[in-house]
Amino acid sequence: MEFTVPQFIEKEAKIVGPLTFKQFIFVGIGGGICFFLFFTIPIYIFIPLAIIVMGAGTGLAFLKIQSIPLPNYIKNFFFFLFKPKAYLWKKKNLPPKFFNQEKTIEQPAIEKNTSLLKISKRSRLNELSTEIESKM
């Protein structure tokens, strides 16, 4: 029996009700912090802090910016801040170099070696062809 295997599955599994594991952790940590704050600080300080903490928890769990989850967005932001930037071109303010026409410009060593290789291959081919002709 053949079964078609779905491809390009980009959904995370729903583990706790309608929430994925990551979403549950973010909301749970926010709720835990609010529960702890409820018993440790006065109510007039608790209410604004609870709104901020639960807002951050639900934002981390559900908010997407340009289809990128908020935790990934924050991670990419910090990577951008602390990783070195690669510059493709840096202009150097050097004076222009002028060549004397009296001096001869030598070929680089690589070009010399390649020309020698071409000559040596050709001469080796000539040797082999003369050997073959002499045997015939």
N, C-alpha and C. Protein backbone atom coordinates (compact mmCIF):
# COMPACT_ATOMS: atom_id res chain seq x y z
N MET A 1 0.83 -1.16 0.00
CA MET A 1 0.00 0.00 0.00
C MET A 1 0.89 1.25 0.00
N GLU A 2 0.62 2.19 -0.86
CA GLU A 2 1.43 3.41 -0.95
C GLU A 2 0.75 4.54 -0.19
N PHE A 3 1.57 5.30 0.48
CA PHE A 3 1.07 6.46 1.22
C PHE A 3 1.81 7.70 0.74
N THR A 4 1.10 8.79 0.61
CA THR A 4 1.76 10.04 0.25
C THR A 4 2.27 10.70 1.52
N VAL A 5 3.51 11.12 1.47
CA VAL A 5 4.13 11.76 2.63
C VAL A 5 4.03 13.27 2.43
N PRO A 6 3.41 13.99 3.37
CA PRO A 6 3.31 15.44 3.20
C PRO A 6 4.69 16.09 3.27
N GLN A 7 4.88 17.08 2.43
CA GLN A 7 6.16 17.79 2.39
C GLN A 7 5.93 19.23 2.79
N PHE A 8 7.01 19.89 3.15
CA PHE A 8 7.01 21.30 3.53
C PHE A 8 6.08 21.56 4.72
N ILE A 9 6.17 20.73 5.73
CA ILE A 9 5.38 20.93 6.94
C ILE A 9 6.15 21.90 7.83
N GLU A 10 5.55 23.05 8.08
CA GLU A 10 6.23 24.06 8.89
C GLU A 10 5.47 24.36 10.17
N LYS A 11 4.49 23.56 10.54
CA LYS A 11 3.74 23.79 11.76
C LYS A 11 4.34 22.98 12.89
N GLU A 12 4.41 23.61 14.07
CA GLU A 12 4.85 22.88 15.25
C GLU A 12 3.65 22.14 15.82
N ALA A 13 3.91 21.04 16.48
CA ALA A 13 2.84 20.22 17.05
C ALA A 13 2.21 20.94 18.24
N LYS A 14 0.88 20.87 18.33
CA LYS A 14 0.15 21.44 19.46
C LYS A 14 0.21 20.43 20.60
N ILE A 15 0.88 20.79 21.68
CA ILE A 15 1.09 19.85 22.77
C ILE A 15 0.13 20.11 23.93
N VAL A 16 -0.02 21.36 24.34
CA VAL A 16 -0.88 21.70 25.48
C VAL A 16 -2.07 22.49 24.95
N GLY A 17 -3.16 21.81 24.66
CA GLY A 17 -4.34 22.47 24.12
C GLY A 17 -4.03 23.08 22.77
N PRO A 18 -4.36 24.36 22.57
CA PRO A 18 -4.06 25.00 21.30
C PRO A 18 -2.65 25.59 21.24
N LEU A 19 -1.83 25.34 22.26
CA LEU A 19 -0.50 25.94 22.35
C LEU A 19 0.60 24.93 22.00
N THR A 20 1.64 25.42 21.35
CA THR A 20 2.83 24.59 21.16
C THR A 20 3.62 24.60 22.46
N PHE A 21 4.66 23.79 22.50
CA PHE A 21 5.46 23.71 23.73
C PHE A 21 6.11 25.05 24.05
N LYS A 22 6.68 25.71 23.04
CA LYS A 22 7.33 27.01 23.27
C LYS A 22 6.33 28.04 23.77
N GLN A 23 5.17 28.09 23.15
CA GLN A 23 4.16 29.05 23.58
C GLN A 23 3.74 28.78 25.02
N PHE A 24 3.56 27.52 25.36
CA PHE A 24 3.17 27.16 26.72
C PHE A 24 4.24 27.59 27.72
N ILE A 25 5.51 27.39 27.38
CA ILE A 25 6.60 27.78 28.27
C ILE A 25 6.61 29.29 28.48
N PHE A 26 6.49 30.07 27.40
CA PHE A 26 6.50 31.53 27.54
C PHE A 26 5.34 32.03 28.39
N VAL A 27 4.15 31.55 28.13
CA VAL A 27 2.98 31.97 28.91
C VAL A 27 3.10 31.46 30.36
N GLY A 28 3.58 30.24 30.53
CA GLY A 28 3.74 29.67 31.88
C GLY A 28 4.75 30.43 32.71
N ILE A 29 5.87 30.81 32.12
CA ILE A 29 6.89 31.56 32.86
C ILE A 29 6.33 32.94 33.24
N GLY A 30 5.63 33.59 32.31
CA GLY A 30 5.01 34.88 32.64
C GLY A 30 4.00 34.75 33.77
N GLY A 31 3.18 33.69 33.71
CA GLY A 31 2.20 33.46 34.77
C GLY A 31 2.86 33.15 36.10
N GLY A 32 3.94 32.38 36.07
CA GLY A 32 4.67 32.06 37.30
C GLY A 32 5.28 33.29 37.94
N ILE A 33 5.85 34.17 37.11
CA ILE A 33 6.42 35.41 37.64
C ILE A 33 5.31 36.27 38.25
N CYS A 34 4.17 36.36 37.58
CA CYS A 34 3.05 37.14 38.12
C CYS A 34 2.53 36.54 39.43
N PHE A 35 2.47 35.23 39.51
CA PHE A 35 2.02 34.56 40.74
C PHE A 35 2.97 34.88 41.89
N PHE A 36 4.29 34.84 41.62
CA PHE A 36 5.28 35.17 42.64
C PHE A 36 5.16 36.64 43.06
N LEU A 37 4.99 37.54 42.09
CA LEU A 37 4.89 38.97 42.39
C LEU A 37 3.62 39.29 43.19
N PHE A 38 2.54 38.56 42.96
CA PHE A 38 1.28 38.81 43.65
C PHE A 38 1.43 38.69 45.17
N PHE A 39 2.26 37.73 45.59
CA PHE A 39 2.42 37.51 47.03
C PHE A 39 3.59 38.29 47.63
N THR A 40 4.40 38.96 46.83
CA THR A 40 5.58 39.62 47.38
C THR A 40 5.51 41.15 47.35
N ILE A 41 4.73 41.73 46.47
CA ILE A 41 4.70 43.20 46.39
C ILE A 41 3.27 43.71 46.56
N PRO A 42 3.13 44.99 46.90
CA PRO A 42 1.78 45.55 47.07
C PRO A 42 1.00 45.55 45.77
N ILE A 43 -0.32 45.59 45.87
CA ILE A 43 -1.21 45.44 44.72
C ILE A 43 -1.06 46.59 43.73
N TYR A 44 -0.81 47.82 44.21
CA TYR A 44 -0.68 48.95 43.29
C TYR A 44 0.60 48.88 42.46
N ILE A 45 1.57 48.14 42.90
CA ILE A 45 2.78 47.92 42.08
C ILE A 45 2.61 46.65 41.24
N PHE A 46 1.87 45.68 41.79
CA PHE A 46 1.69 44.40 41.10
C PHE A 46 0.95 44.56 39.78
N ILE A 47 -0.11 45.36 39.76
CA ILE A 47 -0.96 45.44 38.57
C ILE A 47 -0.17 45.93 37.35
N PRO A 48 0.60 47.05 37.42
CA PRO A 48 1.37 47.45 36.23
C PRO A 48 2.45 46.43 35.85
N LEU A 49 3.11 45.85 36.86
CA LEU A 49 4.14 44.84 36.56
C LEU A 49 3.53 43.60 35.93
N ALA A 50 2.36 43.19 36.40
CA ALA A 50 1.70 42.00 35.85
C ALA A 50 1.31 42.24 34.40
N ILE A 51 0.84 43.45 34.10
CA ILE A 51 0.48 43.77 32.71
C ILE A 51 1.71 43.71 31.82
N ILE A 52 2.82 44.23 32.30
CA ILE A 52 4.06 44.22 31.50
C ILE A 52 4.58 42.79 31.33
N VAL A 53 4.63 42.02 32.42
CA VAL A 53 5.18 40.66 32.36
C VAL A 53 4.30 39.75 31.50
N MET A 54 3.01 39.79 31.69
CA MET A 54 2.13 38.93 30.88
C MET A 54 2.07 39.40 29.43
N GLY A 55 2.19 40.72 29.21
CA GLY A 55 2.27 41.22 27.84
C GLY A 55 3.52 40.72 27.13
N ALA A 56 4.64 40.72 27.87
CA ALA A 56 5.89 40.21 27.29
C ALA A 56 5.78 38.71 27.03
N GLY A 57 5.19 37.97 27.96
CA GLY A 57 5.04 36.52 27.79
C GLY A 57 4.16 36.16 26.61
N THR A 58 3.01 36.83 26.50
CA THR A 58 2.13 36.54 25.37
C THR A 58 2.70 37.05 24.06
N GLY A 59 3.45 38.15 24.11
CA GLY A 59 4.11 38.64 22.90
C GLY A 59 5.15 37.65 22.40
N LEU A 60 5.96 37.12 23.33
CA LEU A 60 6.95 36.12 22.94
C LEU A 60 6.28 34.85 22.41
N ALA A 61 5.11 34.54 22.95
CA ALA A 61 4.43 33.30 22.54
C ALA A 61 3.73 33.44 21.20
N PHE A 62 3.07 34.57 20.94
CA PHE A 62 2.17 34.65 19.79
C PHE A 62 2.56 35.67 18.73
N LEU A 63 3.34 36.67 19.06
CA LEU A 63 3.61 37.78 18.13
C LEU A 63 4.60 37.36 17.04
N LYS A 64 4.27 37.72 15.80
CA LYS A 64 5.17 37.48 14.67
C LYS A 64 5.37 38.80 13.94
N ILE A 65 6.61 39.09 13.56
CA ILE A 65 6.93 40.28 12.79
C ILE A 65 7.41 39.81 11.43
N GLN A 66 6.68 40.15 10.39
CA GLN A 66 6.96 39.71 9.02
C GLN A 66 7.12 38.19 8.97
N SER A 67 6.22 37.50 9.59
CA SER A 67 6.14 36.03 9.69
C SER A 67 7.36 35.40 10.37
N ILE A 68 8.08 36.19 11.18
CA ILE A 68 9.19 35.67 11.98
C ILE A 68 8.76 35.77 13.45
N PRO A 69 8.80 34.67 14.20
CA PRO A 69 8.41 34.72 15.61
C PRO A 69 9.29 35.72 16.39
N LEU A 70 8.68 36.35 17.39
CA LEU A 70 9.39 37.39 18.16
C LEU A 70 10.68 36.89 18.82
N PRO A 71 10.73 35.67 19.40
CA PRO A 71 12.01 35.22 19.97
C PRO A 71 13.13 35.13 18.92
N ASN A 72 12.80 34.67 17.72
CA ASN A 72 13.82 34.62 16.66
C ASN A 72 14.23 36.02 16.24
N TYR A 73 13.27 36.93 16.21
CA TYR A 73 13.55 38.31 15.84
C TYR A 73 14.51 38.94 16.85
N ILE A 74 14.27 38.71 18.14
CA ILE A 74 15.14 39.25 19.20
C ILE A 74 16.52 38.60 19.11
N LYS A 75 16.57 37.27 18.87
CA LYS A 75 17.85 36.58 18.75
C LYS A 75 18.66 37.14 17.58
N ASN A 76 18.01 37.35 16.43
CA ASN A 76 18.69 37.92 15.27
C ASN A 76 19.18 39.33 15.54
N PHE A 77 18.41 40.10 16.30
CA PHE A 77 18.81 41.46 16.65
C PHE A 77 20.11 41.45 17.45
N PHE A 78 20.21 40.58 18.46
CA PHE A 78 21.42 40.53 19.27
C PHE A 78 22.61 39.96 18.49
N PHE A 79 22.36 39.00 17.61
CA PHE A 79 23.45 38.51 16.75
C PHE A 79 23.98 39.64 15.88
N PHE A 80 23.08 40.46 15.36
CA PHE A 80 23.49 41.58 14.53
C PHE A 80 24.31 42.58 15.33
N LEU A 81 23.91 42.83 16.59
CA LEU A 81 24.63 43.79 17.40
C LEU A 81 26.05 43.35 17.74
N PHE A 82 26.21 42.08 18.09
CA PHE A 82 27.48 41.64 18.65
C PHE A 82 28.40 40.90 17.69
N LYS A 83 27.92 40.48 16.54
CA LYS A 83 28.81 39.83 15.58
C LYS A 83 29.51 40.90 14.76
N PRO A 84 30.74 40.62 14.31
CA PRO A 84 31.42 41.61 13.47
C PRO A 84 30.74 41.74 12.11
N LYS A 85 30.75 42.96 11.62
CA LYS A 85 30.13 43.23 10.32
C LYS A 85 31.18 43.01 9.23
N ALA A 86 30.77 42.46 8.12
CA ALA A 86 31.68 42.22 7.00
C ALA A 86 31.52 43.36 6.01
N TYR A 87 32.57 44.09 5.79
CA TYR A 87 32.55 45.16 4.81
C TYR A 87 33.17 44.64 3.53
N LEU A 88 32.51 44.89 2.42
CA LEU A 88 33.01 44.37 1.15
C LEU A 88 34.10 45.24 0.57
N TRP A 89 34.07 46.53 0.88
CA TRP A 89 35.05 47.41 0.27
C TRP A 89 35.37 48.53 1.22
N LYS A 90 36.66 48.78 1.40
CA LYS A 90 37.11 49.91 2.20
C LYS A 90 38.04 50.75 1.34
N LYS A 91 37.70 51.99 1.17
CA LYS A 91 38.51 52.87 0.35
C LYS A 91 39.72 53.33 1.16
N LYS A 92 40.89 53.21 0.57
CA LYS A 92 42.11 53.69 1.22
C LYS A 92 42.56 54.95 0.50
N ASN A 93 42.92 55.92 1.27
CA ASN A 93 43.38 57.18 0.68
C ASN A 93 44.89 57.12 0.48
N LEU A 94 45.30 56.37 -0.52
CA LEU A 94 46.72 56.26 -0.85
C LEU A 94 47.02 57.10 -2.07
N PRO A 95 48.22 57.67 -2.12
CA PRO A 95 48.57 58.44 -3.33
C PRO A 95 48.72 57.48 -4.51
N PRO A 96 48.44 57.95 -5.72
CA PRO A 96 48.57 57.07 -6.89
C PRO A 96 50.03 56.71 -7.14
N LYS A 97 50.24 55.52 -7.65
CA LYS A 97 51.59 55.06 -7.97
C LYS A 97 51.88 55.37 -9.43
N PHE A 98 53.07 55.95 -9.67
CA PHE A 98 53.49 56.25 -11.03
C PHE A 98 54.63 55.32 -11.39
N PHE A 99 54.59 54.78 -12.59
CA PHE A 99 55.61 53.85 -13.05
C PHE A 99 56.63 54.59 -13.90
N ASN A 100 57.88 54.24 -13.71
CA ASN A 100 58.92 54.75 -14.60
C ASN A 100 58.90 53.91 -15.86
N GLN A 101 59.01 54.56 -16.99
CA GLN A 101 59.00 53.80 -18.24
C GLN A 101 60.34 53.11 -18.47
N GLU A 102 61.38 53.54 -17.77
CA GLU A 102 62.69 52.93 -17.93
C GLU A 102 62.76 51.55 -17.29
N LYS A 103 61.99 51.34 -16.24
CA LYS A 103 62.02 50.04 -15.57
C LYS A 103 61.23 49.02 -16.38
N THR A 104 61.74 47.81 -16.37
CA THR A 104 60.99 46.73 -17.03
C THR A 104 60.14 46.02 -15.97
N ILE A 105 58.97 45.71 -16.35
CA ILE A 105 58.06 45.03 -15.43
C ILE A 105 58.20 43.54 -15.67
N GLU A 106 58.53 42.82 -14.58
CA GLU A 106 58.71 41.38 -14.69
C GLU A 106 57.37 40.68 -14.54
N GLN A 107 57.28 39.52 -15.19
CA GLN A 107 56.07 38.73 -15.05
C GLN A 107 56.04 38.08 -13.67
N PRO A 108 54.87 37.91 -13.12
CA PRO A 108 54.79 37.21 -11.83
C PRO A 108 55.28 35.77 -11.96
N ALA A 109 55.67 35.20 -10.83
CA ALA A 109 56.25 33.86 -10.82
C ALA A 109 55.25 32.82 -11.33
N ILE A 110 53.99 33.03 -11.10
CA ILE A 110 52.99 32.05 -11.52
C ILE A 110 52.95 31.97 -13.05
N GLU A 111 52.97 33.12 -13.69
CA GLU A 111 52.93 33.12 -15.15
C GLU A 111 54.18 32.47 -15.74
N LYS A 112 55.33 32.72 -15.11
CA LYS A 112 56.56 32.10 -15.60
C LYS A 112 56.46 30.58 -15.49
N ASN A 113 55.99 30.10 -14.37
CA ASN A 113 55.90 28.65 -14.16
C ASN A 113 54.92 28.02 -15.14
N THR A 114 53.80 28.67 -15.38
CA THR A 114 52.83 28.08 -16.30
C THR A 114 53.38 28.04 -17.71
N SER A 115 54.13 29.06 -18.11
CA SER A 115 54.71 29.03 -19.45
C SER A 115 55.75 27.92 -19.55
N LEU A 116 56.52 27.70 -18.48
CA LEU A 116 57.50 26.61 -18.49
C LEU A 116 56.80 25.26 -18.56
N LEU A 117 55.68 25.14 -17.86
CA LEU A 117 54.95 23.88 -17.91
C LEU A 117 54.42 23.61 -19.30
N LYS A 118 53.95 24.65 -19.96
CA LYS A 118 53.44 24.46 -21.32
C LYS A 118 54.56 24.01 -22.25
N ILE A 119 55.71 24.62 -22.12
CA ILE A 119 56.84 24.26 -22.97
C ILE A 119 57.30 22.83 -22.66
N SER A 120 57.39 22.51 -21.36
CA SER A 120 57.88 21.19 -21.01
C SER A 120 56.88 20.11 -21.46
N LYS A 121 55.59 20.38 -21.36
CA LYS A 121 54.61 19.40 -21.83
C LYS A 121 54.72 19.21 -23.34
N ARG A 122 54.89 20.31 -24.03
CA ARG A 122 54.99 20.23 -25.48
C ARG A 122 56.24 19.45 -25.87
N SER A 123 57.35 19.70 -25.19
CA SER A 123 58.57 18.99 -25.54
C SER A 123 58.46 17.51 -25.18
N ARG A 124 57.80 17.21 -24.09
CA ARG A 124 57.61 15.82 -23.70
C ARG A 124 56.72 15.11 -24.73
N LEU A 125 55.70 15.82 -25.20
CA LEU A 125 54.85 15.25 -26.24
C LEU A 125 55.66 15.01 -27.53
N ASN A 126 56.53 15.94 -27.83
CA ASN A 126 57.39 15.76 -29.01
C ASN A 126 58.28 14.54 -28.85
N GLU A 127 58.82 14.34 -27.65
CA GLU A 127 59.67 13.18 -27.40
C GLU A 127 58.88 11.89 -27.57
N LEU A 128 57.68 11.85 -27.01
CA LEU A 128 56.87 10.64 -27.12
C LEU A 128 56.49 10.36 -28.56
N SER A 129 56.14 11.41 -29.29
CA SER A 129 55.75 11.19 -30.68
C SER A 129 56.94 10.71 -31.51
N THR A 130 58.14 11.20 -31.24
CA THR A 130 59.31 10.71 -31.98
C THR A 130 59.63 9.27 -31.61
N GLU A 131 59.42 8.88 -30.34
CA GLU A 131 59.62 7.50 -29.95
C GLU A 131 58.67 6.56 -30.66
N ILE A 132 57.40 6.98 -30.75
CA ILE A 132 56.39 6.15 -31.41
C ILE A 132 56.70 6.03 -32.90
N GLU A 133 57.11 7.14 -33.50
CA GLU A 133 57.44 7.11 -34.93
C GLU A 133 58.65 6.22 -35.19
N SER A 134 59.61 6.25 -34.28
CA SER A 134 60.80 5.44 -34.48
C SER A 134 60.50 3.94 -34.35
N LYS A 135 59.54 3.58 -33.51
CA LYS A 135 59.17 2.18 -33.34
C LYS A 135 58.40 1.67 -34.55
N MET A 136 57.71 2.52 -35.25
CA MET A 136 56.90 2.08 -36.39
C MET A 136 57.75 1.95 -37.58
